[in-house]
Amino acid sequence: MGALVGFPQVWRTGLDIQMHNTYFVFPPVAAGLPFFLPVATLVTLGRATWVGFRLISINLVLGLLLILWFLVVNWLSSALGGIH
């Protein structure tokens, strides 16, 4: 049964299980989002404050950025929720 399961492989000197070499690969959009989102939000919020929130286009962009913030925070909380 041990030969079928693979127990003899454990005693070989060439066996190397590297469980600590874990890394993540992100697409470029996900890598640039942490830099783009805060800057875009601050610039849009500053511009909306400057014009007194009168322009609909700026308000729409600010609303889309806030929705994006919500999605990113929700994703991070669910992704990091299993880490203790």
Protein backbone atom coordinates (compact mmCIF):
# COMPACT_ATOMS: atom_id res chain seq x y z
CA MET A 1 0.00 0.00 0.00
CA GLY A 2 2.89 2.35 0.75
CA ALA A 3 4.33 1.92 -2.76
CA LEU A 4 0.91 2.67 -4.23
CA VAL A 5 0.41 5.80 -2.14
CA GLY A 6 3.98 7.03 -2.56
CA PHE A 7 5.58 6.69 0.86
CA PRO A 8 8.92 5.53 -0.61
CA GLN A 9 9.20 8.92 -2.36
CA VAL A 10 9.31 10.69 0.99
CA TRP A 11 12.61 9.06 1.95
CA ARG A 12 14.39 10.08 -1.24
CA THR A 13 17.04 12.74 -0.80
CA GLY A 14 15.98 14.56 -3.95
CA LEU A 15 12.52 15.37 -2.62
CA ASP A 16 12.09 19.07 -2.05
CA ILE A 17 8.71 20.50 -1.21
CA GLN A 18 8.84 24.29 -1.24
CA MET A 19 5.68 25.50 0.37
CA HIS A 20 7.17 28.87 1.28
CA ASN A 21 7.77 30.00 -2.31
CA THR A 22 4.29 31.37 -2.90
CA TYR A 23 3.83 34.54 -4.88
CA PHE A 24 0.97 36.28 -6.64
CA VAL A 25 0.82 37.56 -10.18
CA PHE A 26 -1.51 40.48 -10.79
CA PRO A 27 -2.61 41.93 -14.11
CA PRO A 28 -1.33 45.45 -14.81
CA VAL A 29 -4.74 46.99 -14.13
CA ALA A 30 -4.83 45.50 -10.64
CA ALA A 31 -1.25 46.59 -9.99
CA GLY A 32 -1.95 50.20 -11.01
CA LEU A 33 -5.28 50.51 -9.21
CA PRO A 34 -3.83 51.24 -5.74
CA PHE A 35 -2.02 54.25 -7.21
CA PHE A 36 -4.77 55.48 -9.54
CA LEU A 37 -7.78 55.23 -7.25
CA PRO A 38 -6.67 57.54 -4.40
CA VAL A 39 -5.22 60.16 -6.75
CA ALA A 40 -8.27 60.15 -9.03
CA THR A 41 -10.60 60.39 -6.06
CA LEU A 42 -8.74 63.31 -4.49
CA VAL A 43 -8.48 65.21 -7.79
CA THR A 44 -12.14 64.66 -8.64
CA LEU A 45 -13.26 65.54 -5.12
CA GLY A 46 -11.16 68.71 -5.22
CA ARG A 47 -12.54 69.71 -8.59
CA ALA A 48 -16.12 68.98 -7.50
CA THR A 49 -15.58 71.09 -4.38
CA TRP A 50 -14.10 73.89 -6.48
CA VAL A 51 -17.19 74.15 -8.69
CA GLY A 52 -19.60 73.51 -5.84
CA PHE A 53 -20.80 70.08 -7.06
CA ARG A 54 -22.78 71.79 -9.85
CA LEU A 55 -21.41 69.83 -12.83
CA ILE A 56 -23.20 66.55 -13.45
CA SER A 57 -20.18 65.02 -15.20
CA ILE A 58 -17.92 65.52 -12.19
CA ASN A 59 -20.60 64.17 -9.87
CA LEU A 60 -20.97 61.06 -12.06
CA VAL A 61 -17.23 60.45 -12.10
CA LEU A 62 -17.09 60.93 -8.33
CA GLY A 63 -19.96 58.48 -7.92
CA LEU A 64 -18.21 55.91 -10.13
CA LEU A 65 -15.02 56.32 -8.13
CA LEU A 66 -16.91 55.80 -4.88
CA ILE A 67 -18.50 52.63 -6.30
CA LEU A 68 -15.02 51.47 -7.31
CA TRP A 69 -13.77 52.18 -3.76
CA PHE A 70 -16.64 50.12 -2.38
CA LEU A 71 -15.83 47.21 -4.70
CA VAL A 72 -12.10 47.29 -3.89
CA VAL A 73 -12.69 47.44 -0.12
CA ASN A 74 -15.28 44.67 -0.37
CA TRP A 75 -12.89 42.50 -2.40
CA LEU A 76 -10.02 43.13 0.02
CA SER A 77 -12.12 42.33 3.07
CA SER A 78 -13.29 39.07 1.52
CA ALA A 79 -9.80 38.16 0.27
CA LEU A 80 -8.10 38.93 3.57
CA GLY A 81 -10.94 37.65 5.73
CA GLY A 82 -9.54 34.13 5.82
CA ILE A 83 -6.14 35.27 7.07
CA HIS A 84 -5.76 35.03 10.83
